[in-house]
Each structure stands twice: as structure tokens, then as C-alpha cells.
């Protein structure tokens, strides 16, 4: 049995973006309940996510952008004392409450702590059950439910502080990881592979928005209603040759489960076992090239039962149970 870390923190439940918002604390409740009732919670090494430092965030984000989010939080606290609103909206679907800043620091802190533990050999791999998610957060912009890019921060930490030479990012969310691409595009130390529904939010990753993806970005846009078996073929036929040629020293996963057929946030026809299969293929690649070193961070997934089952399948593969 591999030693798999499971990072989360109660602060991640306190971030809310309004009633009926799909990116809600109940997502983490569903995951926790599922892992508990299936016994998977008993075989992972549960760890509390620490707070990321500002210097950690600056590995991937503009310092003025970081300061602006902190300032918005402070202003929101002051406004609420005077009977003001509970939320401040960044865009039409992304909002902050007074707890968002702390939750976002925990989410980024989880990915950093998991990276340190895996590189140190304390853990073979880890899953970060955190929110807010991160893969839409660009260098100087919050969007798509995301504030800080948890995976990109951890990747830069592995490269710049641990001096790794080659790092792989895998993104299987139904939406293109535009933020991760924005931060890591053109860095020859990084290979990012991803498939995503297209045309679909955030309408990026194909080159049609004005500039082609950089050489280190392997983007596979697929049409709505693409089935799991077709995606598995793309993984084997397109991802794997590039991954094996790249020989990563560590692997990061932006684990979005909103491509599930039961999730109405997207229209891909994936099921629980598709996520397990993809996780297995990526884990095998990590064993071939990276001493098994792998850190996965929760991104999308909004149909609560499907999300919980898919995360269970994902973590079972990571933990060999």
C-alpha cells in the first residue's frame, strides 16, 4: 500500500460565494462523507493544510494582485461592521466573503506542503481536498471560482526552491486550465497536458483567441458529449508519448471531476471509472519517471454524489486500495 497524504482544513469550508452557488462547502462534505463510509479515509495520512506565505504566492502571482485581494478582504470586513454586504464580486461567478482570503491561503498551502512531503519521501503521493480551486487563476487575475493557482504555485515551488528540472502538470477538468497555462506557458521545465470541452468556458487553449499555445502546452480540445473511451484513447495515443519523452521528475494533477456525465456544469460523458483509469495511467508514468512523486489538487466537480464517487475512485488508485 502506498502512503498517500490527504490535505484539507476547516477554513476551506468557510469560503462561500452566495446561496445556490455550485462551488460550495457541501462539495467537501460530500467527499469527506464518501471517504469515511467507504473506509478510504482510514488508509490515507490526513494532514492539516498550512497557510501559504505571501512569498509562496508570489512564485506564481503578481504581488500587486495579491495585495489587491488582501485589501478587498480588509475592506469587506470593515464594510460588514457597518452593515455592508457579505460578498464582493470579482466577476459574474466569482465572489469573496471575509473567509475567502484565509481559505485561499490554505488551498495554496496544502499544495506546497504536499509537494514538500512528497519530495522529502514522507509520502509517495497526496490529494489536496481544498477550495477555492485554482486552475483558472491567472498571474494577475481571479476568475472561474479561482483566486490563487494552487497547482501553479506548487509547480513553481518544486522548480525554483527544490531545483527540480522537469515537472508535469495534468489537467482533466472539463474546463481548460487557462490560469495554469498563463503562468507556466513557455517554461521549458514544465510540460502541461490537458483535455477539455470546446467550445466552452473559458474559451481558451486552442489558439483561436489570438495566439497559439506554447510548445510546452499539449491542449486537447474535445467536443461536448465525448465519451470516456475516446478520452482514454487520447491519453494513451497523445499524452503518453509526450510524457515519456519528457521524463518528468514530479507530477501534479489539476483534478477536476466536472466532466462526469452526471455533472451539468459540463457535457462530457465520463464516469467514475474513467477517472480511476486516467489516475492509474498518470500514476504509472510517475513511477516510471518520477519515483512515484505525485500531488493532486481538487478543481471542479459540482454534482455532489458523482464528485464524491469520482474522488473516491481517484484516491483509491493513489493509495493502492
C-alpha atoms as a PDB file:
ATOM      1  CA  UNK A   1       0.000   0.000   0.000  1.00  0.00           C
ATOM      2  CA  UNK A   2       1.387   3.387  -0.960  1.00  0.00           C
ATOM      3  CA  UNK A   3       1.494   6.188   1.576  1.00  0.00           C
ATOM      4  CA  UNK A   4      -0.967   8.799   0.378  1.00  0.00           C
ATOM      5  CA  UNK A   5      -1.424  12.150   2.077  1.00  0.00           C
ATOM      6  CA  UNK A   6      -4.822  13.834   2.324  1.00  0.00           C
ATOM      7  CA  UNK A   7      -4.635  17.578   2.917  1.00  0.00           C
ATOM      8  CA  UNK A   8      -7.574  19.747   3.914  1.00  0.00           C
ATOM      9  CA  UNK A   9      -8.534  22.353   6.528  1.00  0.00           C
ATOM     10  CA  UNK A  10     -11.730  23.578   8.162  1.00  0.00           C
ATOM     11  CA  UNK A  11     -11.044  27.073   6.772  1.00  0.00           C
ATOM     12  CA  UNK A  12     -11.817  25.719   3.300  1.00  0.00           C
ATOM     13  CA  UNK A  13     -15.440  25.235   4.372  1.00  0.00           C
ATOM     14  CA  UNK A  14     -15.837  28.903   5.411  1.00  0.00           C
ATOM     15  CA  UNK A  15     -15.343  30.407   1.959  1.00  0.00           C
ATOM     16  CA  UNK A  16     -18.739  30.953   0.344  1.00  0.00           C
ATOM     17  CA  UNK A  17     -19.841  32.746  -2.816  1.00  0.00           C
ATOM     18  CA  UNK A  18     -23.571  33.045  -2.144  1.00  0.00           C
ATOM     19  CA  UNK A  19     -26.656  30.874  -1.841  1.00  0.00           C
ATOM     20  CA  UNK A  20     -27.024  28.209  -4.537  1.00  0.00           C
ATOM     21  CA  UNK A  21     -23.518  28.777  -5.898  1.00  0.00           C
ATOM     22  CA  UNK A  22     -22.238  25.437  -7.264  1.00  0.00           C
ATOM     23  CA  UNK A  23     -18.735  25.887  -5.792  1.00  0.00           C
ATOM     24  CA  UNK A  24     -19.912  25.426  -2.226  1.00  0.00           C
ATOM     25  CA  UNK A  25     -18.750  23.918   1.085  1.00  0.00           C
ATOM     26  CA  UNK A  26     -21.062  20.927   0.525  1.00  0.00           C
ATOM     27  CA  UNK A  27     -18.556  19.714  -2.083  1.00  0.00           C
ATOM     28  CA  UNK A  28     -16.044  18.966   0.671  1.00  0.00           C
ATOM     29  CA  UNK A  29     -18.759  17.481   2.895  1.00  0.00           C
ATOM     30  CA  UNK A  30     -19.698  15.045   0.122  1.00  0.00           C
ATOM     31  CA  UNK A  31     -16.076  13.978  -0.361  1.00  0.00           C
ATOM     32  CA  UNK A  32     -15.433  13.563   3.366  1.00  0.00           C
ATOM     33  CA  UNK A  33     -18.625  11.547   3.893  1.00  0.00           C
ATOM     34  CA  UNK A  34     -17.870   9.247   0.956  1.00  0.00           C
ATOM     35  CA  UNK A  35     -14.301   8.543   2.026  1.00  0.00           C
ATOM     36  CA  UNK A  36     -15.469   7.888   5.575  1.00  0.00           C
ATOM     37  CA  UNK A  37     -18.286   5.493   4.713  1.00  0.00           C
ATOM     38  CA  UNK A  38     -16.162   3.536   2.222  1.00  0.00           C
ATOM     39  CA  UNK A  39     -13.196   3.227   4.575  1.00  0.00           C
ATOM     40  CA  UNK A  40     -10.838   5.100   2.262  1.00  0.00           C
ATOM     41  CA  UNK A  41     -10.422   7.784   4.946  1.00  0.00           C
ATOM     42  CA  UNK A  42      -8.759   5.143   7.124  1.00  0.00           C
ATOM     43  CA  UNK A  43      -5.945   4.405   4.674  1.00  0.00           C
ATOM     44  CA  UNK A  44      -4.761   7.946   3.942  1.00  0.00           C
ATOM     45  CA  UNK A  45      -2.459  10.107   6.041  1.00  0.00           C
ATOM     46  CA  UNK A  46      -4.717  13.034   6.953  1.00  0.00           C
ATOM     47  CA  UNK A  47      -2.862  16.323   7.351  1.00  0.00           C
ATOM     48  CA  UNK A  48      -3.923  19.908   8.024  1.00  0.00           C
ATOM     49  CA  UNK A  49      -3.196  22.374   5.255  1.00  0.00           C
ATOM     50  CA  UNK A  50      -0.914  25.179   6.465  1.00  0.00           C
ATOM     51  CA  UNK A  51      -1.229  28.791   5.379  1.00  0.00           C
ATOM     52  CA  UNK A  52       0.776  29.733   2.307  1.00  0.00           C
ATOM     53  CA  UNK A  53       3.095  32.695   2.785  1.00  0.00           C
ATOM     54  CA  UNK A  54       2.867  35.770   0.559  1.00  0.00           C
ATOM     55  CA  UNK A  55       6.293  34.811  -0.810  1.00  0.00           C
ATOM     56  CA  UNK A  56       4.820  31.448  -1.848  1.00  0.00           C
ATOM     57  CA  UNK A  57       2.009  33.113  -3.765  1.00  0.00           C
ATOM     58  CA  UNK A  58       4.486  35.455  -5.455  1.00  0.00           C
ATOM     59  CA  UNK A  59       6.085  32.446  -7.135  1.00  0.00           C
ATOM     60  CA  UNK A  60       3.090  32.413  -9.487  1.00  0.00           C
ATOM     61  CA  UNK A  61       1.203  35.680  -8.966  1.00  0.00           C
ATOM     62  CA  UNK A  62       1.797  39.408  -9.284  1.00  0.00           C
ATOM     63  CA  UNK A  63       2.426  40.994  -5.883  1.00  0.00           C
ATOM     64  CA  UNK A  64       0.039  43.865  -6.581  1.00  0.00           C
ATOM     65  CA  UNK A  65      -2.695  41.405  -7.470  1.00  0.00           C
ATOM     66  CA  UNK A  66      -2.108  39.531  -4.205  1.00  0.00           C
ATOM     67  CA  UNK A  67      -2.197  42.810  -2.279  1.00  0.00           C
ATOM     68  CA  UNK A  68      -5.441  43.808  -4.000  1.00  0.00           C
ATOM     69  CA  UNK A  69      -7.186  40.615  -2.846  1.00  0.00           C
ATOM     70  CA  UNK A  70      -5.934  41.193   0.693  1.00  0.00           C
ATOM     71  CA  UNK A  71      -7.140  44.785   0.521  1.00  0.00           C
ATOM     72  CA  UNK A  72     -10.562  43.720  -0.730  1.00  0.00           C
ATOM     73  CA  UNK A  73     -10.820  41.320   2.200  1.00  0.00           C
ATOM     74  CA  UNK A  74      -9.935  44.025   4.725  1.00  0.00           C
ATOM     75  CA  UNK A  75     -12.431  46.402   3.129  1.00  0.00           C
ATOM     76  CA  UNK A  76     -15.143  43.734   3.234  1.00  0.00           C
ATOM     77  CA  UNK A  77     -14.518  43.163   6.951  1.00  0.00           C
ATOM     78  CA  UNK A  78     -14.818  46.912   7.614  1.00  0.00           C
ATOM     79  CA  UNK A  79     -17.945  47.221   5.460  1.00  0.00           C
ATOM     80  CA  UNK A  80     -19.664  44.369   7.277  1.00  0.00           C
ATOM     81  CA  UNK A  81     -19.068  46.072  10.619  1.00  0.00           C
ATOM     82  CA  UNK A  82     -21.082  48.946   9.208  1.00  0.00           C
ATOM     83  CA  UNK A  83     -23.855  46.644   7.976  1.00  0.00           C
ATOM     84  CA  UNK A  84     -22.482  46.271   4.463  1.00  0.00           C
ATOM     85  CA  UNK A  85     -22.687  43.325   2.043  1.00  0.00           C
ATOM     86  CA  UNK A  86     -21.458  39.828   2.852  1.00  0.00           C
ATOM     87  CA  UNK A  87     -19.797  39.374  -0.547  1.00  0.00           C
ATOM     88  CA  UNK A  88     -17.684  41.305  -3.011  1.00  0.00           C
ATOM     89  CA  UNK A  89     -17.886  40.097  -6.599  1.00  0.00           C
ATOM     90  CA  UNK A  90     -14.736  39.716  -8.700  1.00  0.00           C
ATOM     91  CA  UNK A  91     -16.738  38.774 -11.775  1.00  0.00           C
ATOM     92  CA  UNK A  92     -20.164  37.360 -12.559  1.00  0.00           C
ATOM     93  CA  UNK A  93     -19.482  33.971 -10.955  1.00  0.00           C
ATOM     94  CA  UNK A  94     -16.554  34.606  -8.591  1.00  0.00           C
ATOM     95  CA  UNK A  95     -17.016  36.302  -5.225  1.00  0.00           C
ATOM     96  CA  UNK A  96     -15.225  36.711  -1.888  1.00  0.00           C
ATOM     97  CA  UNK A  97     -16.508  36.658   1.648  1.00  0.00           C
ATOM     98  CA  UNK A  98     -14.490  37.559   4.722  1.00  0.00           C
ATOM     99  CA  UNK A  99     -13.129  33.988   4.934  1.00  0.00           C
ATOM    100  CA  UNK A 100     -12.052  33.612   1.293  1.00  0.00           C
ATOM    101  CA  UNK A 101      -8.561  35.010   1.814  1.00  0.00           C
ATOM    102  CA  UNK A 102      -7.803  32.510   4.593  1.00  0.00           C
ATOM    103  CA  UNK A 103      -9.302  29.609   2.640  1.00  0.00           C
ATOM    104  CA  UNK A 104      -7.270  30.512  -0.441  1.00  0.00           C
ATOM    105  CA  UNK A 105      -4.088  30.606   1.647  1.00  0.00           C
ATOM    106  CA  UNK A 106      -4.926  27.132   2.999  1.00  0.00           C
ATOM    107  CA  UNK A 107      -5.570  25.801  -0.509  1.00  0.00           C
ATOM    108  CA  UNK A 108      -2.227  27.015  -1.817  1.00  0.00           C
ATOM    109  CA  UNK A 109      -0.547  25.982   1.435  1.00  0.00           C
ATOM    110  CA  UNK A 110      -1.872  22.439   1.023  1.00  0.00           C
ATOM    111  CA  UNK A 111      -0.269  22.068  -2.392  1.00  0.00           C
ATOM    112  CA  UNK A 112       3.058  23.403  -1.127  1.00  0.00           C
ATOM    113  CA  UNK A 113       3.074  21.206   1.982  1.00  0.00           C
ATOM    114  CA  UNK A 114       2.137  18.160  -0.086  1.00  0.00           C
ATOM    115  CA  UNK A 115       4.966  18.929  -2.508  1.00  0.00           C
ATOM    116  CA  UNK A 116       7.470  19.193   0.335  1.00  0.00           C
ATOM    117  CA  UNK A 117       6.290  15.937   1.945  1.00  0.00           C
ATOM    118  CA  UNK A 118       6.387  14.010  -1.336  1.00  0.00           C
ATOM    119  CA  UNK A 119       9.833  15.317  -2.315  1.00  0.00           C
ATOM    120  CA  UNK A 120      11.125  14.517   1.188  1.00  0.00           C
ATOM    121  CA  UNK A 121       9.850  10.948   0.828  1.00  0.00           C
ATOM    122  CA  UNK A 122       7.426  11.219   3.762  1.00  0.00           C
ATOM    123  CA  UNK A 123       4.585  10.499   1.345  1.00  0.00           C
ATOM    124  CA  UNK A 124       4.528   8.798  -2.026  1.00  0.00           C
ATOM    125  CA  UNK A 125       1.692  10.981  -3.281  1.00  0.00           C
ATOM    126  CA  UNK A 126      -1.031  13.277  -1.966  1.00  0.00           C
ATOM    127  CA  UNK A 127      -4.513  14.590  -2.668  1.00  0.00           C
ATOM    128  CA  UNK A 128      -5.490  18.101  -1.596  1.00  0.00           C
ATOM    129  CA  UNK A 129      -9.219  18.337  -0.809  1.00  0.00           C
ATOM    130  CA  UNK A 130      -9.327  22.113  -0.816  1.00  0.00           C
ATOM    131  CA  UNK A 131     -11.381  25.038  -2.010  1.00  0.00           C
ATOM    132  CA  UNK A 132     -11.344  27.548  -3.564  1.00  0.00           C
ATOM    133  CA  UNK A 133      -9.967  25.728  -6.607  1.00  0.00           C
ATOM    134  CA  UNK A 134      -7.162  27.259  -8.639  1.00  0.00           C
ATOM    135  CA  UNK A 135      -6.654  26.393 -12.288  1.00  0.00           C
ATOM    136  CA  UNK A 136      -8.487  29.426 -13.738  1.00  0.00           C
ATOM    137  CA  UNK A 137      -6.493  31.918 -11.617  1.00  0.00           C
ATOM    138  CA  UNK A 138      -4.019  33.731 -13.853  1.00  0.00           C
ATOM    139  CA  UNK A 139      -0.839  35.586 -12.898  1.00  0.00           C
ATOM    140  CA  UNK A 140      -2.775  38.739 -12.060  1.00  0.00           C
ATOM    141  CA  UNK A 141      -6.444  37.807 -12.325  1.00  0.00           C
ATOM    142  CA  UNK A 142      -9.074  35.877 -10.335  1.00  0.00           C
ATOM    143  CA  UNK A 143     -11.801  34.172 -12.370  1.00  0.00           C
ATOM    144  CA  UNK A 144     -13.824  30.986 -12.700  1.00  0.00           C
ATOM    145  CA  UNK A 145     -14.260  30.434  -8.915  1.00  0.00           C
ATOM    146  CA  UNK A 146     -10.429  30.670  -8.508  1.00  0.00           C
ATOM    147  CA  UNK A 147      -8.198  33.168  -6.666  1.00  0.00           C
ATOM    148  CA  UNK A 148      -4.725  31.630  -6.363  1.00  0.00           C
ATOM    149  CA  UNK A 149      -3.498  28.896  -8.672  1.00  0.00           C
ATOM    150  CA  UNK A 150      -2.735  26.098  -6.220  1.00  0.00           C
ATOM    151  CA  UNK A 151      -1.064  23.793  -8.748  1.00  0.00           C
ATOM    152  CA  UNK A 152       0.981  26.527 -10.429  1.00  0.00           C
ATOM    153  CA  UNK A 153       2.233  27.774  -7.048  1.00  0.00           C
ATOM    154  CA  UNK A 154       3.314  24.234  -6.122  1.00  0.00           C
ATOM    155  CA  UNK A 155       4.953  23.677  -9.513  1.00  0.00           C
ATOM    156  CA  UNK A 156       6.998  26.872  -9.177  1.00  0.00           C
ATOM    157  CA  UNK A 157       7.889  25.852  -5.613  1.00  0.00           C
ATOM    158  CA  UNK A 158       9.166  22.473  -6.864  1.00  0.00           C
ATOM    159  CA  UNK A 159      11.161  24.089  -9.663  1.00  0.00           C
ATOM    160  CA  UNK A 160      12.537  27.215  -8.016  1.00  0.00           C
ATOM    161  CA  UNK A 161      13.028  26.031  -4.441  1.00  0.00           C
ATOM    162  CA  UNK A 162      13.610  22.294  -4.808  1.00  0.00           C
ATOM    163  CA  UNK A 163      15.516  22.727  -8.068  1.00  0.00           C
ATOM    164  CA  UNK A 164      13.638  20.058  -9.981  1.00  0.00           C
ATOM    165  CA  UNK A 165      14.397  20.186 -13.687  1.00  0.00           C
ATOM    166  CA  UNK A 166      11.223  18.762 -15.267  1.00  0.00           C
ATOM    167  CA  UNK A 167       7.684  18.848 -13.895  1.00  0.00           C
ATOM    168  CA  UNK A 168       4.479  17.538 -15.465  1.00  0.00           C
ATOM    169  CA  UNK A 169       1.034  19.095 -14.998  1.00  0.00           C
ATOM    170  CA  UNK A 170      -2.026  17.017 -15.918  1.00  0.00           C
ATOM    171  CA  UNK A 171      -5.400  18.786 -16.078  1.00  0.00           C
ATOM    172  CA  UNK A 172      -8.518  16.688 -16.711  1.00  0.00           C
ATOM    173  CA  UNK A 173     -11.124  19.263 -15.651  1.00  0.00           C
ATOM    174  CA  UNK A 174     -13.955  19.822 -18.148  1.00  0.00           C
ATOM    175  CA  UNK A 175     -12.748  23.446 -18.470  1.00  0.00           C
ATOM    176  CA  UNK A 176      -9.378  24.491 -19.885  1.00  0.00           C
ATOM    177  CA  UNK A 177      -6.844  25.405 -17.182  1.00  0.00           C
ATOM    178  CA  UNK A 178      -6.227  28.849 -18.624  1.00  0.00           C
ATOM    179  CA  UNK A 179      -4.658  30.188 -15.433  1.00  0.00           C
ATOM    180  CA  UNK A 180      -2.114  27.401 -15.190  1.00  0.00           C
ATOM    181  CA  UNK A 181      -1.259  27.896 -18.851  1.00  0.00           C
ATOM    182  CA  UNK A 182      -0.958  31.668 -18.337  1.00  0.00           C
ATOM    183  CA  UNK A 183       1.554  31.190 -15.509  1.00  0.00           C
ATOM    184  CA  UNK A 184       3.584  28.259 -16.891  1.00  0.00           C
ATOM    185  CA  UNK A 185       3.408  28.859 -20.647  1.00  0.00           C
ATOM    186  CA  UNK A 186       6.795  28.827 -22.342  1.00  0.00           C
ATOM    187  CA  UNK A 187       8.704  27.403 -19.343  1.00  0.00           C
ATOM    188  CA  UNK A 188      10.756  24.514 -20.781  1.00  0.00           C
ATOM    189  CA  UNK A 189      10.929  22.910 -17.326  1.00  0.00           C
ATOM    190  CA  UNK A 190       7.167  22.265 -17.488  1.00  0.00           C
ATOM    191  CA  UNK A 191       5.011  20.055 -19.674  1.00  0.00           C
ATOM    192  CA  UNK A 192       1.266  20.619 -19.261  1.00  0.00           C
ATOM    193  CA  UNK A 193      -1.176  18.146 -20.800  1.00  0.00           C
ATOM    194  CA  UNK A 194      -4.923  18.543 -20.707  1.00  0.00           C
ATOM    195  CA  UNK A 195      -8.170  17.770 -22.420  1.00  0.00           C
ATOM    196  CA  UNK A 196     -11.232  19.972 -22.083  1.00  0.00           C
ATOM    197  CA  UNK A 197     -14.623  20.546 -23.642  1.00  0.00           C
ATOM    198  CA  UNK A 198     -14.563  23.057 -26.514  1.00  0.00           C
ATOM    199  CA  UNK A 199     -16.111  25.457 -27.290  1.00  0.00           C
ATOM    200  CA  UNK A 200     -16.718  26.125 -23.613  1.00  0.00           C
ATOM    201  CA  UNK A 201     -15.687  28.420 -20.759  1.00  0.00           C
ATOM    202  CA  UNK A 202     -13.109  29.972 -20.568  1.00  0.00           C
ATOM    203  CA  UNK A 203     -12.858  29.832 -24.380  1.00  0.00           C
ATOM    204  CA  UNK A 204      -9.083  29.450 -24.399  1.00  0.00           C
ATOM    205  CA  UNK A 205      -6.373  26.907 -25.098  1.00  0.00           C
ATOM    206  CA  UNK A 206      -6.966  26.401 -28.815  1.00  0.00           C
ATOM    207  CA  UNK A 207      -5.120  29.334 -30.354  1.00  0.00           C
ATOM    208  CA  UNK A 208      -8.313  30.825 -31.741  1.00  0.00           C
ATOM    209  CA  UNK A 209      -8.149  33.560 -29.101  1.00  0.00           C
ATOM    210  CA  UNK A 210      -5.190  35.184 -30.883  1.00  0.00           C
ATOM    211  CA  UNK A 211      -2.064  33.214 -30.069  1.00  0.00           C
ATOM    212  CA  UNK A 212      -1.220  29.516 -30.376  1.00  0.00           C
ATOM    213  CA  UNK A 213      -0.346  27.537 -27.227  1.00  0.00           C
ATOM    214  CA  UNK A 214       3.354  27.420 -26.374  1.00  0.00           C
ATOM    215  CA  UNK A 215       5.371  24.302 -27.164  1.00  0.00           C
ATOM    216  CA  UNK A 216       5.163  23.087 -23.554  1.00  0.00           C
ATOM    217  CA  UNK A 217       1.349  23.059 -23.648  1.00  0.00           C
ATOM    218  CA  UNK A 218      -0.367  19.939 -25.022  1.00  0.00           C
ATOM    219  CA  UNK A 219      -4.009  21.005 -25.214  1.00  0.00           C
ATOM    220  CA  UNK A 220      -6.646  18.587 -26.497  1.00  0.00           C
ATOM    221  CA  UNK A 221      -9.992  20.345 -27.027  1.00  0.00           C
ATOM    222  CA  UNK A 222     -12.834  17.852 -27.449  1.00  0.00           C
ATOM    223  CA  UNK A 223     -16.496  18.369 -28.373  1.00  0.00           C
ATOM    224  CA  UNK A 224     -19.402  18.089 -25.973  1.00  0.00           C
ATOM    225  CA  UNK A 225     -20.611  14.526 -25.304  1.00  0.00           C
ATOM    226  CA  UNK A 226     -17.186  12.968 -25.914  1.00  0.00           C
ATOM    227  CA  UNK A 227     -17.209   9.575 -24.180  1.00  0.00           C
ATOM    228  CA  UNK A 228     -14.742   8.232 -21.670  1.00  0.00           C
ATOM    229  CA  UNK A 229     -13.308   5.611 -24.030  1.00  0.00           C
ATOM    230  CA  UNK A 230     -12.426   8.299 -26.594  1.00  0.00           C
ATOM    231  CA  UNK A 231     -10.667  10.289 -23.879  1.00  0.00           C
ATOM    232  CA  UNK A 232      -8.760   7.198 -22.766  1.00  0.00           C
ATOM    233  CA  UNK A 233      -7.517   6.769 -26.335  1.00  0.00           C
ATOM    234  CA  UNK A 234      -6.284  10.368 -26.375  1.00  0.00           C
ATOM    235  CA  UNK A 235      -4.428   9.781 -23.107  1.00  0.00           C
ATOM    236  CA  UNK A 236      -2.654   6.705 -24.477  1.00  0.00           C
ATOM    237  CA  UNK A 237      -2.071   7.924 -28.028  1.00  0.00           C
ATOM    238  CA  UNK A 238      -1.264  11.609 -27.461  1.00  0.00           C
ATOM    239  CA  UNK A 239      -0.420  12.317 -23.823  1.00  0.00           C
ATOM    240  CA  UNK A 240       1.739   9.314 -23.030  1.00  0.00           C
ATOM    241  CA  UNK A 241       4.321   9.640 -25.829  1.00  0.00           C
ATOM    242  CA  UNK A 242       4.953  13.273 -24.831  1.00  0.00           C
ATOM    243  CA  UNK A 243       5.079  12.423 -21.126  1.00  0.00           C
ATOM    244  CA  UNK A 244       7.513   9.552 -21.654  1.00  0.00           C
ATOM    245  CA  UNK A 245       9.742  11.697 -23.862  1.00  0.00           C
ATOM    246  CA  UNK A 246       9.690  14.498 -21.272  1.00  0.00           C
ATOM    247  CA  UNK A 247      10.571  12.206 -18.321  1.00  0.00           C
ATOM    248  CA  UNK A 248       9.138  14.372 -15.509  1.00  0.00           C
ATOM    249  CA  UNK A 249      10.741  14.367 -12.088  1.00  0.00           C
ATOM    250  CA  UNK A 250       7.401  15.114 -10.414  1.00  0.00           C
ATOM    251  CA  UNK A 251       3.746  15.076 -11.449  1.00  0.00           C
ATOM    252  CA  UNK A 252       0.938  17.456 -10.494  1.00  0.00           C
ATOM    253  CA  UNK A 253      -2.744  16.883 -11.269  1.00  0.00           C
ATOM    254  CA  UNK A 254      -5.447  19.514 -11.540  1.00  0.00           C
ATOM    255  CA  UNK A 255      -8.181  17.044 -10.664  1.00  0.00           C
ATOM    256  CA  UNK A 256     -11.488  18.370 -11.945  1.00  0.00           C
ATOM    257  CA  UNK A 257     -14.395  15.932 -11.879  1.00  0.00           C
ATOM    258  CA  UNK A 258     -16.941  18.102 -13.715  1.00  0.00           C
ATOM    259  CA  UNK A 259     -16.521  16.056 -16.882  1.00  0.00           C
ATOM    260  CA  UNK A 260     -18.673  13.395 -15.213  1.00  0.00           C
ATOM    261  CA  UNK A 261     -21.826  12.555 -17.164  1.00  0.00           C
ATOM    262  CA  UNK A 262     -23.955  13.437 -14.102  1.00  0.00           C
ATOM    263  CA  UNK A 263     -22.446  16.933 -13.769  1.00  0.00           C
ATOM    264  CA  UNK A 264     -24.455  19.609 -15.557  1.00  0.00           C
ATOM    265  CA  UNK A 265     -21.572  22.104 -15.405  1.00  0.00           C
ATOM    266  CA  UNK A 266     -20.192  20.371 -18.495  1.00  0.00           C
ATOM    267  CA  UNK A 267     -21.215  17.947 -21.198  1.00  0.00           C
ATOM    268  CA  UNK A 268     -18.517  15.272 -21.279  1.00  0.00           C
ATOM    269  CA  UNK A 269     -19.610  11.660 -20.823  1.00  0.00           C
ATOM    270  CA  UNK A 270     -17.094  10.444 -18.244  1.00  0.00           C
ATOM    271  CA  UNK A 271     -17.821   8.123 -15.323  1.00  0.00           C
ATOM    272  CA  UNK A 272     -16.137   7.203 -12.042  1.00  0.00           C
ATOM    273  CA  UNK A 273     -14.004   4.502 -13.632  1.00  0.00           C
ATOM    274  CA  UNK A 274     -12.716   6.828 -16.347  1.00  0.00           C
ATOM    275  CA  UNK A 275     -11.224   8.997 -13.613  1.00  0.00           C
ATOM    276  CA  UNK A 276      -9.740   5.924 -11.926  1.00  0.00           C
ATOM    277  CA  UNK A 277      -8.235   4.759 -15.239  1.00  0.00           C
ATOM    278  CA  UNK A 278      -6.681   8.151 -16.032  1.00  0.00           C
ATOM    279  CA  UNK A 279      -5.306   8.385 -12.496  1.00  0.00           C
ATOM    280  CA  UNK A 280      -3.768   4.931 -12.889  1.00  0.00           C
ATOM    281  CA  UNK A 281      -2.082   5.864 -16.171  1.00  0.00           C
ATOM    282  CA  UNK A 282      -0.661   9.070 -14.693  1.00  0.00           C
ATOM    283  CA  UNK A 283       0.449   7.270 -11.550  1.00  0.00           C
ATOM    284  CA  UNK A 284       2.223   4.656 -13.689  1.00  0.00           C
ATOM    285  CA  UNK A 285       4.052   7.438 -15.515  1.00  0.00           C
ATOM    286  CA  UNK A 286       5.049   8.963 -12.177  1.00  0.00           C
ATOM    287  CA  UNK A 287       6.516   5.606 -11.158  1.00  0.00           C
ATOM    288  CA  UNK A 288       8.400   5.263 -14.453  1.00  0.00           C
ATOM    289  CA  UNK A 289       9.992   8.669 -14.342  1.00  0.00           C
ATOM    290  CA  UNK A 290       9.442  10.483 -11.032  1.00  0.00           C
ATOM    291  CA  UNK A 291       9.918   7.927  -8.240  1.00  0.00           C
ATOM    292  CA  UNK A 292       6.126   7.923  -7.917  1.00  0.00           C
ATOM    293  CA  UNK A 293       6.090  11.559  -6.803  1.00  0.00           C
ATOM    294  CA  UNK A 294       2.612  12.965  -7.471  1.00  0.00           C
ATOM    295  CA  UNK A 295       0.449  15.715  -5.953  1.00  0.00           C
ATOM    296  CA  UNK A 296      -3.209  16.109  -6.939  1.00  0.00           C
ATOM    297  CA  UNK A 297      -5.380  19.145  -6.167  1.00  0.00           C
ATOM    298  CA  UNK A 298      -9.166  19.331  -6.357  1.00  0.00           C
ATOM    299  CA  UNK A 299     -10.513  21.608  -9.066  1.00  0.00           C
ATOM    300  CA  UNK A 300     -14.082  21.261 -10.410  1.00  0.00           C
ATOM    301  CA  UNK A 301     -16.885  18.797  -9.762  1.00  0.00           C
ATOM    302  CA  UNK A 302     -20.320  20.042  -8.754  1.00  0.00           C
ATOM    303  CA  UNK A 303     -22.745  17.097  -8.862  1.00  0.00           C
ATOM    304  CA  UNK A 304     -22.148  16.108  -5.266  1.00  0.00           C
ATOM    305  CA  UNK A 305     -22.708  12.353  -5.461  1.00  0.00           C
ATOM    306  CA  UNK A 306     -20.737  11.995  -8.706  1.00  0.00           C
ATOM    307  CA  UNK A 307     -17.972  14.187  -7.280  1.00  0.00           C
ATOM    308  CA  UNK A 308     -17.725  12.092  -4.116  1.00  0.00           C
ATOM    309  CA  UNK A 309     -17.612   8.786  -6.024  1.00  0.00           C
ATOM    310  CA  UNK A 310     -15.055  10.120  -8.504  1.00  0.00           C
ATOM    311  CA  UNK A 311     -12.758  11.436  -5.775  1.00  0.00           C
ATOM    312  CA  UNK A 312     -13.046   8.083  -4.013  1.00  0.00           C
ATOM    313  CA  UNK A 313     -12.001   6.313  -7.236  1.00  0.00           C
ATOM    314  CA  UNK A 314      -9.116   8.778  -7.705  1.00  0.00           C
ATOM    315  CA  UNK A 315      -7.818   8.421  -4.131  1.00  0.00           C
ATOM    316  CA  UNK A 316      -8.202   4.612  -4.199  1.00  0.00           C
ATOM    317  CA  UNK A 317      -5.790   4.476  -7.129  1.00  0.00           C
ATOM    318  CA  UNK A 318      -3.351   6.850  -5.445  1.00  0.00           C
ATOM    319  CA  UNK A 319      -3.431   4.777  -2.235  1.00  0.00           C
ATOM    320  CA  UNK A 320      -3.475   1.325  -3.906  1.00  0.00           C
ATOM    321  CA  UNK A 321      -6.703   0.215  -2.211  1.00  0.00           C
END
